Amino acid sequence: MGIFILGGIVFIIAFCLFKISAFRKTKPDESWFRISLVGLIDYLVLVSGTIGTGILFMTLYSAGH
């Protein structure tokens, strides 16, 4: 259970760092719609990466035992 909690914490930190970086690169005159769209895409990329890594980890863990 601890590994899943740790994964969730890492996911939240990575997402926050993605957003901080995106806001620093954003020009002041860009629309909020575009910023929100980029945020949604970042979120989907991180979620799919987290799920994919979890599946890979569990596959390797199961194969090792």
Protein backbone atom coordinates (compact mmCIF):
# COMPACT_ATOMS: atom_id res chain seq x y z
CA MET A 1 0.00 0.00 0.00
CA GLY A 2 2.87 2.34 0.75
CA ILE A 3 4.18 2.13 -2.81
CA PHE A 4 0.84 3.38 -4.15
CA ILE A 5 0.79 6.28 -1.69
CA LEU A 6 4.34 7.17 -2.68
CA GLY A 7 3.35 6.99 -6.36
CA GLY A 8 0.44 9.34 -5.73
CA ILE A 9 2.67 11.83 -3.95
CA VAL A 10 5.23 11.70 -6.78
CA PHE A 11 2.41 12.22 -9.29
CA ILE A 12 1.12 15.30 -7.46
CA ILE A 13 4.62 16.80 -7.18
CA ALA A 14 5.34 16.16 -10.87
CA PHE A 15 2.03 17.71 -11.92
CA CYS A 16 2.67 20.79 -9.76
CA LEU A 17 6.16 21.19 -11.24
CA PHE A 18 4.69 20.86 -14.76
CA LYS A 19 2.20 23.62 -13.99
CA ILE A 20 4.77 25.95 -12.42
CA SER A 21 6.95 25.53 -15.50
CA ALA A 22 4.01 26.15 -17.83
CA PHE A 23 2.96 29.32 -16.01
CA ARG A 24 6.51 30.69 -16.14
CA LYS A 25 6.63 30.13 -19.92
CA THR A 26 3.17 31.57 -20.52
CA LYS A 27 2.92 35.04 -21.96
CA PRO A 28 0.63 37.40 -20.04
CA ASP A 29 -1.70 37.90 -23.02
CA GLU A 30 -2.45 34.19 -23.62
CA SER A 31 -6.01 33.05 -23.06
CA TRP A 32 -7.06 31.03 -20.05
CA PHE A 33 -8.67 28.52 -22.40
CA ARG A 34 -5.28 27.70 -23.93
CA ILE A 35 -3.64 27.46 -20.50
CA SER A 36 -6.43 25.16 -19.30
CA LEU A 37 -6.13 23.01 -22.42
CA VAL A 38 -2.39 22.63 -21.86
CA GLY A 39 -3.10 21.74 -18.22
CA LEU A 40 -5.56 19.05 -19.27
CA ILE A 41 -3.10 17.57 -21.76
CA ASP A 42 -0.32 17.60 -19.13
CA TYR A 43 -2.67 15.88 -16.70
CA LEU A 44 -3.58 13.16 -19.21
CA VAL A 45 0.09 12.56 -20.06
CA LEU A 46 1.00 12.24 -16.39
CA VAL A 47 -1.97 9.96 -15.63
CA SER A 48 -1.18 7.64 -18.53
CA GLY A 49 2.50 7.59 -17.54
CA THR A 50 1.61 6.80 -13.94
CA ILE A 51 -0.77 4.01 -14.92
CA GLY A 52 1.70 2.60 -17.45
CA THR A 53 4.52 2.67 -14.93
CA GLY A 54 2.28 1.03 -12.33
CA ILE A 55 1.35 -1.75 -14.73
CA LEU A 56 5.00 -2.25 -15.65
CA PHE A 57 6.04 -2.29 -12.00
CA MET A 58 3.34 -4.79 -11.02
CA THR A 59 4.21 -7.03 -14.01
CA LEU A 60 7.89 -7.05 -13.08
CA TYR A 61 7.03 -7.56 -9.41
CA SER A 62 4.75 -10.51 -10.22
CA ALA A 63 7.32 -12.04 -12.54
CA GLY A 64 9.99 -11.74 -9.86
CA HIS A 65 7.96 -13.63 -7.26
